[in-house]
Amino acid sequence: MTDQLHPDLRGSLWSALLSIATSSSTLICCALPALLVAIGAGATLAGLVSAVPQLIWLSTHKAVVFGGAGVMLAIAGGLQYRARLAPCPADARLAAACMRARRASLAVYVISLAIFGIGVFFAFVLPGLG
């Protein structure tokens, strides 16, 4: 199906998927450790960090993680904006697939923004409140 989509729409779909992956890294970096400590699962967090020591790098370099995710979200947002008026095929079946892909791409992008917002809250807002 994706090989018959307009290039603008195909790019927005892939960028939305990449943006959800990068914004998910903000949750792993900051929200997951805060949640585990908040529910009293500090030992679980210690076990997780010993099993996956890269989590420490993500936490200590959260500015890089959030900066990269923010740039990716900005690019995905620009591609979403550009693709909103991209033409769909004249064939009814392909046009329906095109519209489904457009809606799916937008939904993934909005979910990415929500995930990024949750990560920002746990990484930057919540520590300032305490």
N, C-alpha and C. Protein backbone atom coordinates (compact mmCIF):
# COMPACT_ATOMS: atom_id res chain seq x y z
N MET A 1 0.81 -1.18 0.00
CA MET A 1 0.00 0.00 0.00
C MET A 1 0.86 1.26 0.00
N THR A 2 1.95 1.32 0.79
CA THR A 2 2.72 2.54 0.91
C THR A 2 3.42 2.93 -0.38
N ASP A 3 3.66 1.96 -1.29
CA ASP A 3 4.34 2.31 -2.53
C ASP A 3 3.40 3.06 -3.48
N GLN A 4 2.09 3.09 -3.22
CA GLN A 4 1.17 3.82 -4.08
C GLN A 4 0.72 5.14 -3.45
N LEU A 5 1.28 5.49 -2.30
CA LEU A 5 0.95 6.75 -1.65
C LEU A 5 1.78 7.89 -2.23
N HIS A 6 1.26 9.09 -2.11
CA HIS A 6 2.00 10.28 -2.52
C HIS A 6 3.27 10.36 -1.66
N PRO A 7 4.40 10.79 -2.23
CA PRO A 7 5.65 10.86 -1.47
C PRO A 7 5.56 11.71 -0.20
N ASP A 8 4.79 12.79 -0.24
CA ASP A 8 4.64 13.61 0.97
C ASP A 8 3.95 12.83 2.08
N LEU A 9 2.93 12.07 1.73
CA LEU A 9 2.20 11.28 2.71
C LEU A 9 3.06 10.14 3.24
N ARG A 10 3.81 9.49 2.37
CA ARG A 10 4.70 8.40 2.79
C ARG A 10 5.75 8.93 3.76
N GLY A 11 6.30 10.11 3.47
CA GLY A 11 7.31 10.69 4.36
C GLY A 11 6.73 11.05 5.72
N SER A 12 5.50 11.56 5.74
CA SER A 12 4.90 11.91 7.02
C SER A 12 4.60 10.66 7.84
N LEU A 13 4.25 9.57 7.19
CA LEU A 13 3.98 8.33 7.91
C LEU A 13 5.26 7.80 8.56
N TRP A 14 6.35 7.75 7.80
CA TRP A 14 7.61 7.26 8.36
C TRP A 14 8.14 8.19 9.44
N SER A 15 8.03 9.49 9.24
CA SER A 15 8.52 10.42 10.26
C SER A 15 7.70 10.33 11.53
N ALA A 16 6.40 10.08 11.41
CA ALA A 16 5.57 9.91 12.60
C ALA A 16 5.98 8.67 13.37
N LEU A 17 6.27 7.59 12.67
CA LEU A 17 6.73 6.37 13.35
C LEU A 17 8.08 6.58 14.02
N LEU A 18 8.97 7.30 13.36
CA LEU A 18 10.27 7.59 13.96
C LEU A 18 10.11 8.54 15.15
N SER A 19 9.18 9.47 15.07
CA SER A 19 8.98 10.40 16.18
C SER A 19 8.43 9.68 17.41
N ILE A 20 7.61 8.66 17.23
CA ILE A 20 7.11 7.93 18.41
C ILE A 20 8.25 7.13 19.05
N ALA A 21 9.17 6.64 18.24
CA ALA A 21 10.32 5.92 18.80
C ALA A 21 11.22 6.87 19.58
N THR A 22 11.48 8.04 19.03
CA THR A 22 12.37 8.98 19.74
C THR A 22 11.69 9.57 20.97
N SER A 23 10.38 9.84 20.90
CA SER A 23 9.72 10.39 22.08
C SER A 23 9.57 9.32 23.17
N SER A 24 9.51 8.06 22.78
CA SER A 24 9.46 6.99 23.77
C SER A 24 10.75 6.92 24.57
N SER A 25 11.85 7.31 23.97
CA SER A 25 13.12 7.32 24.70
C SER A 25 13.08 8.31 25.86
N THR A 26 12.25 9.36 25.74
CA THR A 26 12.13 10.31 26.85
C THR A 26 11.43 9.67 28.04
N LEU A 27 10.50 8.76 27.77
CA LEU A 27 9.85 8.05 28.87
C LEU A 27 10.81 7.11 29.56
N ILE A 28 11.62 6.42 28.76
CA ILE A 28 12.57 5.47 29.33
C ILE A 28 13.62 6.21 30.16
N CYS A 29 14.02 7.36 29.68
CA CYS A 29 15.05 8.14 30.36
C CYS A 29 14.58 8.68 31.70
N CYS A 30 13.38 9.18 31.74
CA CYS A 30 12.99 9.96 32.91
C CYS A 30 11.71 9.52 33.60
N ALA A 31 10.69 9.18 32.85
CA ALA A 31 9.40 8.85 33.47
C ALA A 31 9.42 7.47 34.13
N LEU A 32 10.03 6.49 33.47
CA LEU A 32 10.07 5.14 34.03
C LEU A 32 10.81 5.09 35.37
N PRO A 33 12.01 5.66 35.49
CA PRO A 33 12.66 5.64 36.80
C PRO A 33 11.86 6.37 37.88
N ALA A 34 11.25 7.50 37.53
CA ALA A 34 10.44 8.23 38.52
C ALA A 34 9.24 7.42 38.95
N LEU A 35 8.59 6.75 38.01
CA LEU A 35 7.43 5.93 38.34
C LEU A 35 7.83 4.77 39.25
N LEU A 36 8.92 4.10 38.92
CA LEU A 36 9.35 2.96 39.73
C LEU A 36 9.69 3.38 41.16
N VAL A 37 10.36 4.51 41.31
CA VAL A 37 10.69 5.00 42.65
C VAL A 37 9.42 5.42 43.39
N ALA A 38 8.49 6.08 42.68
CA ALA A 38 7.26 6.55 43.30
C ALA A 38 6.40 5.41 43.84
N ILE A 39 6.40 4.28 43.16
CA ILE A 39 5.57 3.15 43.63
C ILE A 39 6.35 2.22 44.56
N GLY A 40 7.55 2.64 44.94
CA GLY A 40 8.33 1.84 45.88
C GLY A 40 9.06 0.68 45.26
N ALA A 41 9.34 0.77 43.98
CA ALA A 41 10.04 -0.31 43.29
C ALA A 41 11.47 0.09 42.97
N GLY A 42 12.14 0.68 43.94
CA GLY A 42 13.53 1.09 43.75
C GLY A 42 14.45 -0.09 43.46
N ALA A 43 14.18 -1.23 44.09
CA ALA A 43 15.00 -2.42 43.83
C ALA A 43 14.81 -2.88 42.39
N THR A 44 13.61 -2.76 41.88
CA THR A 44 13.36 -3.11 40.47
C THR A 44 14.15 -2.19 39.56
N LEU A 45 14.15 -0.90 39.89
CA LEU A 45 14.93 0.06 39.10
C LEU A 45 16.41 -0.27 39.15
N ALA A 46 16.92 -0.61 40.32
CA ALA A 46 18.33 -0.99 40.44
C ALA A 46 18.65 -2.22 39.59
N GLY A 47 17.75 -3.21 39.61
CA GLY A 47 17.95 -4.40 38.79
C GLY A 47 17.88 -4.08 37.31
N LEU A 48 16.98 -3.19 36.94
CA LEU A 48 16.85 -2.79 35.54
C LEU A 48 18.10 -2.06 35.06
N VAL A 49 18.62 -1.18 35.89
CA VAL A 49 19.83 -0.43 35.52
C VAL A 49 21.03 -1.36 35.43
N SER A 50 21.11 -2.36 36.31
CA SER A 50 22.23 -3.28 36.21
C SER A 50 22.11 -4.18 34.98
N ALA A 51 20.89 -4.48 34.56
CA ALA A 51 20.70 -5.30 33.37
C ALA A 51 20.87 -4.49 32.09
N VAL A 52 20.48 -3.21 32.13
CA VAL A 52 20.57 -2.33 30.96
C VAL A 52 21.28 -1.04 31.39
N PRO A 53 22.61 -1.06 31.46
CA PRO A 53 23.34 0.12 31.95
C PRO A 53 23.22 1.35 31.05
N GLN A 54 22.74 1.17 29.83
CA GLN A 54 22.56 2.31 28.93
C GLN A 54 21.51 3.29 29.46
N LEU A 55 20.65 2.83 30.35
CA LEU A 55 19.66 3.71 30.95
C LEU A 55 20.32 4.85 31.72
N ILE A 56 21.47 4.59 32.30
CA ILE A 56 22.19 5.64 33.02
C ILE A 56 22.65 6.71 32.04
N TRP A 57 23.14 6.31 30.88
CA TRP A 57 23.56 7.29 29.87
C TRP A 57 22.38 8.16 29.46
N LEU A 58 21.23 7.52 29.22
CA LEU A 58 20.05 8.28 28.82
C LEU A 58 19.66 9.30 29.89
N SER A 59 19.73 8.91 31.15
CA SER A 59 19.35 9.81 32.23
C SER A 59 20.34 10.95 32.40
N THR A 60 21.62 10.67 32.26
CA THR A 60 22.61 11.72 32.43
C THR A 60 22.69 12.65 31.23
N HIS A 61 22.24 12.21 30.10
CA HIS A 61 22.26 13.04 28.88
C HIS A 61 20.83 13.36 28.43
N LYS A 62 19.97 13.69 29.39
CA LYS A 62 18.57 13.90 29.04
C LYS A 62 18.37 15.12 28.14
N ALA A 63 19.25 16.09 28.20
CA ALA A 63 19.12 17.23 27.29
C ALA A 63 19.31 16.79 25.84
N VAL A 64 20.25 15.89 25.60
CA VAL A 64 20.47 15.37 24.25
C VAL A 64 19.27 14.53 23.81
N VAL A 65 18.76 13.71 24.72
CA VAL A 65 17.62 12.85 24.40
C VAL A 65 16.39 13.71 24.05
N PHE A 66 16.12 14.70 24.90
CA PHE A 66 14.96 15.55 24.64
C PHE A 66 15.17 16.46 23.44
N GLY A 67 16.39 16.91 23.24
CA GLY A 67 16.68 17.73 22.06
C GLY A 67 16.47 16.95 20.77
N GLY A 68 16.98 15.72 20.73
CA GLY A 68 16.79 14.88 19.55
C GLY A 68 15.33 14.56 19.30
N ALA A 69 14.62 14.25 20.38
CA ALA A 69 13.19 13.95 20.24
C ALA A 69 12.43 15.19 19.79
N GLY A 70 12.79 16.34 20.31
CA GLY A 70 12.13 17.58 19.91
C GLY A 70 12.36 17.92 18.45
N VAL A 71 13.61 17.73 17.99
CA VAL A 71 13.91 17.97 16.58
C VAL A 71 13.13 17.01 15.70
N MET A 72 13.08 15.75 16.09
CA MET A 72 12.34 14.77 15.29
C MET A 72 10.84 15.10 15.27
N LEU A 73 10.30 15.53 16.40
CA LEU A 73 8.90 15.91 16.43
C LEU A 73 8.63 17.14 15.56
N ALA A 74 9.56 18.08 15.55
CA ALA A 74 9.40 19.26 14.70
C ALA A 74 9.43 18.88 13.22
N ILE A 75 10.34 18.01 12.86
CA ILE A 75 10.41 17.55 11.46
C ILE A 75 9.13 16.80 11.09
N ALA A 76 8.70 15.91 11.98
CA ALA A 76 7.47 15.15 11.72
C ALA A 76 6.27 16.08 11.63
N GLY A 77 6.23 17.10 12.47
CA GLY A 77 5.13 18.05 12.41
C GLY A 77 5.12 18.82 11.09
N GLY A 78 6.31 19.21 10.63
CA GLY A 78 6.41 19.88 9.33
C GLY A 78 5.95 18.99 8.19
N LEU A 79 6.35 17.72 8.24
CA LEU A 79 5.92 16.78 7.20
C LEU A 79 4.42 16.50 7.29
N GLN A 80 3.89 16.45 8.50
CA GLN A 80 2.44 16.28 8.65
C GLN A 80 1.70 17.47 8.03
N TYR A 81 2.21 18.66 8.31
CA TYR A 81 1.58 19.87 7.78
C TYR A 81 1.63 19.88 6.25
N ARG A 82 2.79 19.52 5.71
CA ARG A 82 2.96 19.50 4.25
C ARG A 82 2.08 18.44 3.59
N ALA A 83 1.90 17.31 4.27
CA ALA A 83 1.16 16.19 3.67
C ALA A 83 -0.35 16.32 3.82
N ARG A 84 -0.81 17.29 4.60
CA ARG A 84 -2.25 17.38 4.84
C ARG A 84 -3.04 17.63 3.57
N LEU A 85 -2.43 18.26 2.59
CA LEU A 85 -3.11 18.53 1.34
C LEU A 85 -2.56 17.73 0.16
N ALA A 86 -1.75 16.72 0.47
CA ALA A 86 -1.19 15.89 -0.60
C ALA A 86 -2.33 15.16 -1.31
N PRO A 87 -2.25 15.05 -2.62
CA PRO A 87 -3.33 14.40 -3.36
C PRO A 87 -3.37 12.89 -3.10
N CYS A 88 -4.57 12.37 -3.05
CA CYS A 88 -4.76 10.93 -2.96
C CYS A 88 -5.12 10.42 -4.36
N PRO A 89 -4.90 9.14 -4.63
CA PRO A 89 -5.24 8.59 -5.95
C PRO A 89 -6.72 8.74 -6.27
N ALA A 90 -7.03 8.73 -7.56
CA ALA A 90 -8.43 8.85 -8.01
C ALA A 90 -9.22 7.57 -7.76
N ASP A 91 -8.54 6.43 -7.78
CA ASP A 91 -9.20 5.16 -7.52
C ASP A 91 -9.79 5.17 -6.10
N ALA A 92 -11.05 4.78 -5.96
CA ALA A 92 -11.74 4.86 -4.67
C ALA A 92 -11.06 4.02 -3.59
N ARG A 93 -10.63 2.82 -3.94
CA ARG A 93 -9.98 1.93 -2.97
C ARG A 93 -8.66 2.52 -2.50
N LEU A 94 -7.88 3.03 -3.45
CA LEU A 94 -6.60 3.63 -3.10
C LEU A 94 -6.78 4.96 -2.36
N ALA A 95 -7.82 5.70 -2.71
CA ALA A 95 -8.10 6.95 -2.00
C ALA A 95 -8.47 6.68 -0.55
N ALA A 96 -9.24 5.63 -0.32
CA ALA A 96 -9.60 5.25 1.04
C ALA A 96 -8.36 4.83 1.83
N ALA A 97 -7.47 4.08 1.20
CA ALA A 97 -6.22 3.69 1.85
C ALA A 97 -5.36 4.91 2.15
N CYS A 98 -5.35 5.85 1.24
CA CYS A 98 -4.60 7.09 1.42
C CYS A 98 -5.12 7.87 2.64
N MET A 99 -6.42 7.98 2.75
CA MET A 99 -7.02 8.70 3.88
C MET A 99 -6.78 7.97 5.20
N ARG A 100 -6.82 6.64 5.17
CA ARG A 100 -6.51 5.87 6.39
C ARG A 100 -5.07 6.11 6.81
N ALA A 101 -4.16 6.11 5.84
CA ALA A 101 -2.75 6.34 6.15
C ALA A 101 -2.55 7.75 6.70
N ARG A 102 -3.27 8.71 6.16
CA ARG A 102 -3.16 10.09 6.64
C ARG A 102 -3.65 10.20 8.09
N ARG A 103 -4.79 9.56 8.38
CA ARG A 103 -5.31 9.59 9.76
C ARG A 103 -4.39 8.84 10.71
N ALA A 104 -3.87 7.70 10.29
CA ALA A 104 -2.96 6.92 11.14
C ALA A 104 -1.70 7.70 11.43
N SER A 105 -1.17 8.35 10.42
CA SER A 105 0.04 9.14 10.59
C SER A 105 -0.19 10.28 11.59
N LEU A 106 -1.32 10.95 11.48
CA LEU A 106 -1.64 12.04 12.40
C LEU A 106 -1.84 11.51 13.81
N ALA A 107 -2.50 10.37 13.95
CA ALA A 107 -2.72 9.78 15.28
C ALA A 107 -1.40 9.41 15.94
N VAL A 108 -0.50 8.81 15.18
CA VAL A 108 0.81 8.45 15.73
C VAL A 108 1.58 9.70 16.14
N TYR A 109 1.47 10.76 15.35
CA TYR A 109 2.15 12.02 15.68
C TYR A 109 1.59 12.62 16.97
N VAL A 110 0.28 12.62 17.12
CA VAL A 110 -0.33 13.18 18.34
C VAL A 110 0.07 12.35 19.56
N ILE A 111 0.11 11.04 19.42
CA ILE A 111 0.56 10.17 20.52
C ILE A 111 2.01 10.48 20.86
N SER A 112 2.84 10.72 19.85
CA SER A 112 4.24 11.08 20.07
C SER A 112 4.35 12.37 20.87
N LEU A 113 3.53 13.35 20.54
CA LEU A 113 3.53 14.62 21.27
C LEU A 113 3.13 14.41 22.73
N ALA A 114 2.14 13.56 22.96
CA ALA A 114 1.70 13.28 24.33
C ALA A 114 2.81 12.58 25.12
N ILE A 115 3.46 11.62 24.51
CA ILE A 115 4.56 10.92 25.18
C ILE A 115 5.68 11.90 25.50
N PHE A 116 6.00 12.78 24.56
CA PHE A 116 7.04 13.78 24.79
C PHE A 116 6.64 14.69 25.94
N GLY A 117 5.38 15.10 25.99
CA GLY A 117 4.91 15.96 27.08
C GLY A 117 5.03 15.28 28.44
N ILE A 118 4.70 14.01 28.51
CA ILE A 118 4.84 13.26 29.76
C ILE A 118 6.31 13.21 30.17
N GLY A 119 7.18 12.96 29.21
CA GLY A 119 8.62 12.92 29.51
C GLY A 119 9.13 14.26 30.00
N VAL A 120 8.69 15.36 29.38
CA VAL A 120 9.10 16.70 29.82
C VAL A 120 8.63 16.94 31.25
N PHE A 121 7.41 16.53 31.55
CA PHE A 121 6.90 16.71 32.91
C PHE A 121 7.77 16.00 33.93
N PHE A 122 8.09 14.73 33.67
CA PHE A 122 8.88 13.96 34.63
C PHE A 122 10.34 14.40 34.67
N ALA A 123 10.89 14.87 33.57
CA ALA A 123 12.30 15.21 33.54
C ALA A 123 12.59 16.62 34.04
N PHE A 124 11.69 17.56 33.75
CA PHE A 124 12.01 18.96 34.03
C PHE A 124 11.04 19.64 34.98
N VAL A 125 9.75 19.34 34.91
CA VAL A 125 8.77 20.03 35.74
C VAL A 125 8.71 19.42 37.14
N LEU A 126 8.54 18.12 37.24
CA LEU A 126 8.40 17.45 38.53
C LEU A 126 9.61 17.66 39.43
N PRO A 127 10.84 17.54 38.95
CA PRO A 127 11.97 17.80 39.84
C PRO A 127 12.00 19.23 40.38
N GLY A 128 11.49 20.18 39.63
CA GLY A 128 11.45 21.57 40.09
C GLY A 128 10.40 21.81 41.16
N LEU A 129 9.40 20.95 41.24
CA LEU A 129 8.34 21.09 42.23
C LEU A 129 8.77 20.61 43.61
N GLY A 130 9.76 19.75 43.64
CA GLY A 130 10.16 19.13 44.91
C GLY A 130 11.25 19.77 45.60
